[in-house]
Amino acid sequence: MRLGTMLQRPRLLPATIIAMSALLAVKSVSLLQAVAAEIAPAAADSAVRAGAPASGLPGPAAAAAQAAPVGAAQPPAEPPISAAERQLLLDLRHRREMLDARARAQDQRDAELDAADRRLSERVRELSSLQARLEALEAGRQSHSAENWAGLVKIYEAMKPRDAAAIFDALDMQVLLQVLDRMQARRVAPVLAAMQPDRARLATQLLAEMRIRATTPAAAGSGTTPSPDPKN
């Protein structure tokens, strides 16, 4: 009896080991299933965050979804230009070219007018300078002429009235009037009294007319002297 019991104990050890191995295998399978169930949702969430395509999208659509950035908007297509709009643009361009050409022509005319104005101003300055020189020459001539007449008048004033009257009777009337006009009044009276009556009367009349014209603005501007009758 004791010997049979000893022979049965060794048979229980392998059965126990096999049972424990099977239980361990079952436990391992259950643990792996639980871990897989926890990892699958996390992997799906990571794929969605990384922009992975949904499982329902086909291959090309998924590739297009991966290539396009998230939130990027496609540029709108430009609307086609109609014939009327194209013609309007051409008309506007032609109008602008015409305005530019007109502006350039206006600028050229302004430049020409400025050049002409400068030339005219220069010509006016030249004429003004020439007029000033002519006026200076005329003033010098008149001054010299006045000095000459003054010297001639002094000669006749120094002569005796009868001698001066004899010369005045034969003197040219223009010269006689200039001399009488410059002589002192107290020197002219005795000379006229000694002259021939007709000659003295004509000289007095012409001298008076000459002085009247000299005091008249129109006559003073003309600077002319009366022309006596050459027969006298």
C-alpha atoms as a PDB file:
ATOM      1  CA  MET A   1       0.000   0.000   0.000  1.00  0.00           C
ATOM      2  CA  ARG A   2       2.730   2.484   0.841  1.00  0.00           C
ATOM      3  CA  LEU A   3       4.618   1.435  -2.233  1.00  0.00           C
ATOM      4  CA  GLY A   4       1.644   2.176  -4.493  1.00  0.00           C
ATOM      5  CA  THR A   5       1.208   5.531  -3.009  1.00  0.00           C
ATOM      6  CA  MET A   6       4.809   6.362  -3.717  1.00  0.00           C
ATOM      7  CA  LEU A   7       4.418   5.243  -7.277  1.00  0.00           C
ATOM      8  CA  GLN A   8       1.343   7.509  -7.841  1.00  0.00           C
ATOM      9  CA  ARG A   9       2.921  10.821  -6.559  1.00  0.00           C
ATOM     10  CA  PRO A  10       5.360  11.170  -9.399  1.00  0.00           C
ATOM     11  CA  ARG A  11       2.485  11.058 -11.885  1.00  0.00           C
ATOM     12  CA  LEU A  12       0.724  14.058 -10.331  1.00  0.00           C
ATOM     13  CA  LEU A  13       3.702  16.452 -10.890  1.00  0.00           C
ATOM     14  CA  PRO A  14       3.616  16.529 -14.722  1.00  0.00           C
ATOM     15  CA  ALA A  15      -0.136  17.006 -14.728  1.00  0.00           C
ATOM     16  CA  THR A  16       0.200  19.930 -12.385  1.00  0.00           C
ATOM     17  CA  ILE A  17       2.895  21.513 -14.541  1.00  0.00           C
ATOM     18  CA  ILE A  18       0.785  21.131 -17.666  1.00  0.00           C
ATOM     19  CA  ALA A  19      -2.225  22.658 -15.939  1.00  0.00           C
ATOM     20  CA  MET A  20      -0.209  25.584 -14.725  1.00  0.00           C
ATOM     21  CA  SER A  21       1.274  26.109 -18.222  1.00  0.00           C
ATOM     22  CA  ALA A  22      -2.169  26.126 -19.783  1.00  0.00           C
ATOM     23  CA  LEU A  23      -3.428  28.584 -17.198  1.00  0.00           C
ATOM     24  CA  LEU A  24      -0.400  30.820 -17.851  1.00  0.00           C
ATOM     25  CA  ALA A  25      -1.044  30.704 -21.603  1.00  0.00           C
ATOM     26  CA  VAL A  26      -4.658  31.689 -21.102  1.00  0.00           C
ATOM     27  CA  LYS A  27      -3.616  34.546 -18.853  1.00  0.00           C
ATOM     28  CA  SER A  28      -1.030  35.738 -21.422  1.00  0.00           C
ATOM     29  CA  VAL A  29      -3.576  35.719 -24.265  1.00  0.00           C
ATOM     30  CA  SER A  30      -6.039  37.708 -22.189  1.00  0.00           C
ATOM     31  CA  LEU A  31      -3.331  40.223 -21.257  1.00  0.00           C
ATOM     32  CA  LEU A  32      -2.247  40.685 -24.883  1.00  0.00           C
ATOM     33  CA  GLN A  33      -5.846  41.257 -26.000  1.00  0.00           C
ATOM     34  CA  ALA A  34      -6.313  43.891 -23.309  1.00  0.00           C
ATOM     35  CA  VAL A  35      -3.103  45.680 -24.307  1.00  0.00           C
ATOM     36  CA  ALA A  36      -4.079  45.595 -27.994  1.00  0.00           C
ATOM     37  CA  ALA A  37      -7.492  47.017 -27.186  1.00  0.00           C
ATOM     38  CA  GLU A  38      -5.853  49.943 -25.330  1.00  0.00           C
ATOM     39  CA  ILE A  39      -3.252  50.645 -28.072  1.00  0.00           C
ATOM     40  CA  ALA A  40      -5.686  50.719 -31.058  1.00  0.00           C
ATOM     41  CA  PRO A  41      -7.639  53.912 -30.068  1.00  0.00           C
ATOM     42  CA  ALA A  42      -4.409  55.753 -29.253  1.00  0.00           C
ATOM     43  CA  ALA A  43      -2.943  54.845 -32.648  1.00  0.00           C
ATOM     44  CA  ALA A  44      -6.094  55.992 -34.447  1.00  0.00           C
ATOM     45  CA  ASP A  45      -6.059  59.282 -32.561  1.00  0.00           C
ATOM     46  CA  SER A  46      -2.405  59.874 -33.464  1.00  0.00           C
ATOM     47  CA  ALA A  47      -3.133  59.181 -37.129  1.00  0.00           C
ATOM     48  CA  VAL A  48      -5.968  61.722 -37.180  1.00  0.00           C
ATOM     49  CA  ARG A  49      -3.792  64.380 -35.531  1.00  0.00           C
ATOM     50  CA  ALA A  50      -0.979  63.720 -38.024  1.00  0.00           C
ATOM     51  CA  GLY A  51      -3.344  64.247 -40.985  1.00  0.00           C
ATOM     52  CA  ALA A  52      -3.623  60.563 -41.887  1.00  0.00           C
ATOM     53  CA  PRO A  53      -6.548  59.832 -44.258  1.00  0.00           C
ATOM     54  CA  ALA A  54      -9.659  58.164 -42.954  1.00  0.00           C
ATOM     55  CA  SER A  55      -9.941  54.456 -43.582  1.00  0.00           C
ATOM     56  CA  GLY A  56     -12.951  55.038 -45.845  1.00  0.00           C
ATOM     57  CA  LEU A  57     -11.074  57.335 -48.363  1.00  0.00           C
ATOM     58  CA  PRO A  58      -9.636  55.731 -51.478  1.00  0.00           C
ATOM     59  CA  GLY A  59      -5.916  55.790 -52.203  1.00  0.00           C
ATOM     60  CA  PRO A  60      -5.703  58.874 -54.555  1.00  0.00           C
ATOM     61  CA  ALA A  61      -8.093  60.882 -52.413  1.00  0.00           C
ATOM     62  CA  ALA A  62      -6.057  60.061 -49.320  1.00  0.00           C
ATOM     63  CA  ALA A  63      -2.840  61.111 -51.097  1.00  0.00           C
ATOM     64  CA  ALA A  64      -4.471  64.416 -52.166  1.00  0.00           C
ATOM     65  CA  ALA A  65      -5.677  64.984 -48.626  1.00  0.00           C
ATOM     66  CA  GLN A  66      -2.162  64.355 -47.310  1.00  0.00           C
ATOM     67  CA  ALA A  67      -0.575  66.662 -49.962  1.00  0.00           C
ATOM     68  CA  ALA A  68      -2.932  69.611 -49.309  1.00  0.00           C
ATOM     69  CA  PRO A  69      -2.095  71.543 -46.109  1.00  0.00           C
ATOM     70  CA  VAL A  70      -4.751  71.638 -43.472  1.00  0.00           C
ATOM     71  CA  GLY A  71      -6.823  74.867 -43.684  1.00  0.00           C
ATOM     72  CA  ALA A  72      -5.186  76.095 -46.972  1.00  0.00           C
ATOM     73  CA  ALA A  73      -7.680  77.780 -49.375  1.00  0.00           C
ATOM     74  CA  GLN A  74      -7.337  77.301 -53.097  1.00  0.00           C
ATOM     75  CA  PRO A  75      -7.039  80.622 -55.098  1.00  0.00           C
ATOM     76  CA  PRO A  76     -10.193  81.463 -57.004  1.00  0.00           C
ATOM     77  CA  ALA A  77      -9.980  81.115 -60.735  1.00  0.00           C
ATOM     78  CA  GLU A  78      -9.887  84.434 -62.683  1.00  0.00           C
ATOM     79  CA  PRO A  79     -13.071  85.107 -64.604  1.00  0.00           C
ATOM     80  CA  PRO A  80     -12.649  85.228 -68.376  1.00  0.00           C
ATOM     81  CA  ILE A  81     -12.462  88.682 -70.076  1.00  0.00           C
ATOM     82  CA  SER A  82     -15.217  89.367 -72.538  1.00  0.00           C
ATOM     83  CA  ALA A  83     -14.732  91.015 -75.928  1.00  0.00           C
ATOM     84  CA  ALA A  84     -16.411  94.219 -74.737  1.00  0.00           C
ATOM     85  CA  GLU A  85     -14.106  94.467 -71.727  1.00  0.00           C
ATOM     86  CA  ARG A  86     -11.065  93.835 -73.929  1.00  0.00           C
ATOM     87  CA  GLN A  87     -12.172  96.582 -76.330  1.00  0.00           C
ATOM     88  CA  LEU A  88     -12.709  98.949 -73.405  1.00  0.00           C
ATOM     89  CA  LEU A  89      -9.190  98.273 -72.148  1.00  0.00           C
ATOM     90  CA  LEU A  90      -7.777  98.920 -75.613  1.00  0.00           C
ATOM     91  CA  ASP A  91      -9.710 102.192 -75.870  1.00  0.00           C
ATOM     92  CA  LEU A  92      -8.434 103.300 -72.469  1.00  0.00           C
ATOM     93  CA  ARG A  93      -4.856 102.499 -73.454  1.00  0.00           C
ATOM     94  CA  HIS A  94      -5.247 104.421 -76.707  1.00  0.00           C
ATOM     95  CA  ARG A  95      -6.729 107.371 -74.822  1.00  0.00           C
ATOM     96  CA  ARG A  96      -3.833 107.377 -72.380  1.00  0.00           C
ATOM     97  CA  GLU A  97      -1.306 107.331 -75.227  1.00  0.00           C
ATOM     98  CA  MET A  98      -3.082 110.297 -76.837  1.00  0.00           C
ATOM     99  CA  LEU A  99      -3.011 112.235 -73.560  1.00  0.00           C
ATOM    100  CA  ASP A 100       0.689 111.463 -73.091  1.00  0.00           C
ATOM    101  CA  ALA A 101       1.457 112.658 -76.626  1.00  0.00           C
ATOM    102  CA  ARG A 102      -0.569 115.825 -76.058  1.00  0.00           C
ATOM    103  CA  ALA A 103       1.282 116.486 -72.804  1.00  0.00           C
ATOM    104  CA  ARG A 104       4.643 116.058 -74.541  1.00  0.00           C
ATOM    105  CA  ALA A 105       3.583 118.434 -77.329  1.00  0.00           C
ATOM    106  CA  GLN A 106       2.432 120.987 -74.751  1.00  0.00           C
ATOM    107  CA  ASP A 107       5.744 120.711 -72.927  1.00  0.00           C
ATOM    108  CA  GLN A 108       7.602 121.259 -76.201  1.00  0.00           C
ATOM    109  CA  ARG A 109       5.499 124.334 -77.003  1.00  0.00           C
ATOM    110  CA  ASP A 110       6.132 125.708 -73.521  1.00  0.00           C
ATOM    111  CA  ALA A 111       9.862 125.205 -73.988  1.00  0.00           C
ATOM    112  CA  GLU A 112       9.737 126.995 -77.368  1.00  0.00           C
ATOM    113  CA  LEU A 113       7.763 129.878 -75.860  1.00  0.00           C
ATOM    114  CA  ASP A 114      10.241 130.166 -73.006  1.00  0.00           C
ATOM    115  CA  ALA A 115      13.126 130.254 -75.485  1.00  0.00           C
ATOM    116  CA  ALA A 116      11.354 132.915 -77.575  1.00  0.00           C
ATOM    117  CA  ASP A 117      10.629 134.928 -74.443  1.00  0.00           C
ATOM    118  CA  ARG A 118      14.284 134.795 -73.452  1.00  0.00           C
ATOM    119  CA  ARG A 119      15.343 135.907 -76.940  1.00  0.00           C
ATOM    120  CA  LEU A 120      12.814 138.742 -76.882  1.00  0.00           C
ATOM    121  CA  SER A 121      13.987 139.856 -73.440  1.00  0.00           C
ATOM    122  CA  GLU A 122      17.573 139.822 -74.659  1.00  0.00           C
ATOM    123  CA  ARG A 123      16.590 141.867 -77.725  1.00  0.00           C
ATOM    124  CA  VAL A 124      14.746 144.377 -75.539  1.00  0.00           C
ATOM    125  CA  ARG A 125      17.842 144.758 -73.366  1.00  0.00           C
ATOM    126  CA  GLU A 126      19.981 145.306 -76.451  1.00  0.00           C
ATOM    127  CA  LEU A 127      17.577 147.923 -77.815  1.00  0.00           C
ATOM    128  CA  SER A 128      17.405 149.643 -74.440  1.00  0.00           C
ATOM    129  CA  SER A 129      21.186 149.787 -74.303  1.00  0.00           C
ATOM    130  CA  LEU A 130      21.295 151.123 -77.863  1.00  0.00           C
ATOM    131  CA  GLN A 131      18.678 153.751 -77.030  1.00  0.00           C
ATOM    132  CA  ALA A 132      20.663 154.822 -74.006  1.00  0.00           C
ATOM    133  CA  ARG A 133      23.788 155.214 -76.146  1.00  0.00           C
ATOM    134  CA  LEU A 134      21.876 157.173 -78.795  1.00  0.00           C
ATOM    135  CA  GLU A 135      20.370 159.437 -76.159  1.00  0.00           C
ATOM    136  CA  ALA A 136      23.823 160.027 -74.716  1.00  0.00           C
ATOM    137  CA  LEU A 137      25.157 160.848 -78.175  1.00  0.00           C
ATOM    138  CA  GLU A 138      22.229 163.176 -78.863  1.00  0.00           C
ATOM    139  CA  ALA A 139      22.712 164.902 -75.542  1.00  0.00           C
ATOM    140  CA  GLY A 140      26.384 165.350 -76.342  1.00  0.00           C
ATOM    141  CA  ARG A 141      25.571 166.670 -79.794  1.00  0.00           C
ATOM    142  CA  GLN A 142      23.033 169.131 -78.428  1.00  0.00           C
ATOM    143  CA  SER A 143      25.462 170.251 -75.791  1.00  0.00           C
ATOM    144  CA  HIS A 144      28.168 170.768 -78.393  1.00  0.00           C
ATOM    145  CA  SER A 145      25.699 172.556 -80.677  1.00  0.00           C
ATOM    146  CA  ALA A 146      24.587 174.799 -77.834  1.00  0.00           C
ATOM    147  CA  GLU A 147      28.196 175.664 -77.100  1.00  0.00           C
ATOM    148  CA  ASN A 148      28.774 176.520 -80.760  1.00  0.00           C
ATOM    149  CA  TRP A 149      25.677 178.729 -80.914  1.00  0.00           C
ATOM    150  CA  ALA A 150      26.635 180.372 -77.654  1.00  0.00           C
ATOM    151  CA  GLY A 151      30.057 181.250 -79.049  1.00  0.00           C
ATOM    152  CA  LEU A 152      28.527 182.673 -82.238  1.00  0.00           C
ATOM    153  CA  VAL A 153      25.985 184.681 -80.262  1.00  0.00           C
ATOM    154  CA  LYS A 154      28.733 186.217 -78.140  1.00  0.00           C
ATOM    155  CA  ILE A 155      30.454 187.383 -81.281  1.00  0.00           C
ATOM    156  CA  TYR A 156      27.365 189.195 -82.567  1.00  0.00           C
ATOM    157  CA  GLU A 157      26.569 190.609 -79.149  1.00  0.00           C
ATOM    158  CA  ALA A 158      30.045 192.103 -78.975  1.00  0.00           C
ATOM    159  CA  MET A 159      29.656 193.817 -82.363  1.00  0.00           C
ATOM    160  CA  LYS A 160      28.120 197.215 -82.872  1.00  0.00           C
ATOM    161  CA  PRO A 161      24.378 197.038 -83.698  1.00  0.00           C
ATOM    162  CA  ARG A 162      24.829 198.608 -87.142  1.00  0.00           C
ATOM    163  CA  ASP A 163      27.595 196.146 -88.110  1.00  0.00           C
ATOM    164  CA  ALA A 164      25.583 193.198 -86.849  1.00  0.00           C
ATOM    165  CA  ALA A 165      22.480 194.467 -88.709  1.00  0.00           C
ATOM    166  CA  ALA A 166      24.400 194.626 -91.996  1.00  0.00           C
ATOM    167  CA  ILE A 167      25.352 190.933 -91.568  1.00  0.00           C
ATOM    168  CA  PHE A 168      21.837 189.909 -90.450  1.00  0.00           C
ATOM    169  CA  ASP A 169      20.299 191.461 -93.564  1.00  0.00           C
ATOM    170  CA  ALA A 170      22.241 188.967 -95.743  1.00  0.00           C
ATOM    171  CA  LEU A 171      22.315 186.009 -93.279  1.00  0.00           C
ATOM    172  CA  ASP A 172      20.306 182.847 -93.892  1.00  0.00           C
ATOM    173  CA  MET A 173      16.958 183.102 -92.126  1.00  0.00           C
ATOM    174  CA  GLN A 174      17.375 179.788 -90.241  1.00  0.00           C
ATOM    175  CA  VAL A 175      20.715 180.886 -88.845  1.00  0.00           C
ATOM    176  CA  LEU A 176      19.387 184.365 -88.129  1.00  0.00           C
ATOM    177  CA  LEU A 177      16.466 182.979 -86.111  1.00  0.00           C
ATOM    178  CA  GLN A 178      18.758 180.740 -84.030  1.00  0.00           C
ATOM    179  CA  VAL A 179      21.085 183.671 -83.282  1.00  0.00           C
ATOM    180  CA  LEU A 180      18.275 186.097 -82.441  1.00  0.00           C
ATOM    181  CA  ASP A 181      16.600 183.498 -80.210  1.00  0.00           C
ATOM    182  CA  ARG A 182      19.790 183.102 -78.139  1.00  0.00           C
ATOM    183  CA  MET A 183      20.763 186.786 -77.936  1.00  0.00           C
ATOM    184  CA  GLN A 184      19.830 188.906 -74.954  1.00  0.00           C
ATOM    185  CA  ALA A 185      16.731 191.032 -75.529  1.00  0.00           C
ATOM    186  CA  ARG A 186      18.564 194.278 -74.846  1.00  0.00           C
ATOM    187  CA  ARG A 187      21.107 193.340 -77.541  1.00  0.00           C
ATOM    188  CA  VAL A 188      18.490 192.300 -80.124  1.00  0.00           C
ATOM    189  CA  ALA A 189      16.507 195.569 -80.105  1.00  0.00           C
ATOM    190  CA  PRO A 190      19.206 197.876 -81.519  1.00  0.00           C
ATOM    191  CA  VAL A 191      20.214 195.287 -84.132  1.00  0.00           C
ATOM    192  CA  LEU A 192      16.633 194.926 -85.395  1.00  0.00           C
ATOM    193  CA  ALA A 193      16.299 198.717 -85.480  1.00  0.00           C
ATOM    194  CA  ALA A 194      19.358 198.938 -87.707  1.00  0.00           C
ATOM    195  CA  MET A 195      18.214 196.164 -90.077  1.00  0.00           C
ATOM    196  CA  GLN A 196      16.118 196.657 -93.193  1.00  0.00           C
ATOM    197  CA  PRO A 197      12.465 197.093 -92.117  1.00  0.00           C
ATOM    198  CA  ASP A 198      11.041 194.215 -94.188  1.00  0.00           C
ATOM    199  CA  ARG A 199      13.797 191.881 -93.133  1.00  0.00           C
ATOM    200  CA  ALA A 200      13.449 192.862 -89.486  1.00  0.00           C
ATOM    201  CA  ARG A 201       9.658 192.451 -89.623  1.00  0.00           C
ATOM    202  CA  LEU A 202       9.884 188.957 -91.168  1.00  0.00           C
ATOM    203  CA  ALA A 203      12.555 187.873 -88.691  1.00  0.00           C
ATOM    204  CA  THR A 204      10.417 189.078 -85.790  1.00  0.00           C
ATOM    205  CA  GLN A 205       7.333 187.222 -87.076  1.00  0.00           C
ATOM    206  CA  LEU A 206       9.189 183.947 -87.675  1.00  0.00           C
ATOM    207  CA  LEU A 207      10.955 184.200 -84.330  1.00  0.00           C
ATOM    208  CA  ALA A 208       7.616 184.593 -82.545  1.00  0.00           C
ATOM    209  CA  GLU A 209       6.139 181.592 -84.370  1.00  0.00           C
ATOM    210  CA  MET A 210       9.188 179.513 -83.558  1.00  0.00           C
ATOM    211  CA  ARG A 211       8.904 180.314 -79.865  1.00  0.00           C
ATOM    212  CA  ILE A 212       5.160 179.529 -79.897  1.00  0.00           C
ATOM    213  CA  ARG A 213       5.831 176.135 -81.468  1.00  0.00           C
ATOM    214  CA  ALA A 214       8.573 175.502 -78.919  1.00  0.00           C
ATOM    215  CA  THR A 215       6.118 175.989 -76.067  1.00  0.00           C
ATOM    216  CA  THR A 216       3.507 173.724 -77.719  1.00  0.00           C
ATOM    217  CA  PRO A 217       3.900 169.999 -76.704  1.00  0.00           C
ATOM    218  CA  ALA A 218       3.411 168.695 -80.262  1.00  0.00           C
ATOM    219  CA  ALA A 219       5.883 171.161 -81.695  1.00  0.00           C
ATOM    220  CA  ALA A 220       8.338 170.563 -78.873  1.00  0.00           C
ATOM    221  CA  GLY A 221       8.269 166.820 -79.593  1.00  0.00           C
ATOM    222  CA  SER A 222       8.837 167.264 -83.331  1.00  0.00           C
ATOM    223  CA  GLY A 223      11.795 169.606 -82.895  1.00  0.00           C
ATOM    224  CA  THR A 224      11.176 171.282 -86.273  1.00  0.00           C
ATOM    225  CA  THR A 225      11.748 174.891 -87.075  1.00  0.00           C
ATOM    226  CA  PRO A 226       9.686 177.031 -89.456  1.00  0.00           C
ATOM    227  CA  SER A 227      10.869 177.244 -93.009  1.00  0.00           C
ATOM    228  CA  PRO A 228      10.828 180.869 -94.126  1.00  0.00           C
ATOM    229  CA  ASP A 229      10.373 182.012 -97.653  1.00  0.00           C
ATOM    230  CA  PRO A 230      13.777 181.582 -99.354  1.00  0.00           C
ATOM    231  CA  LYS A 231      13.153 184.726-101.400  1.00  0.00           C
ATOM    232  CA  ASN A 232      13.402 186.727 -98.209  1.00  0.00           C
END
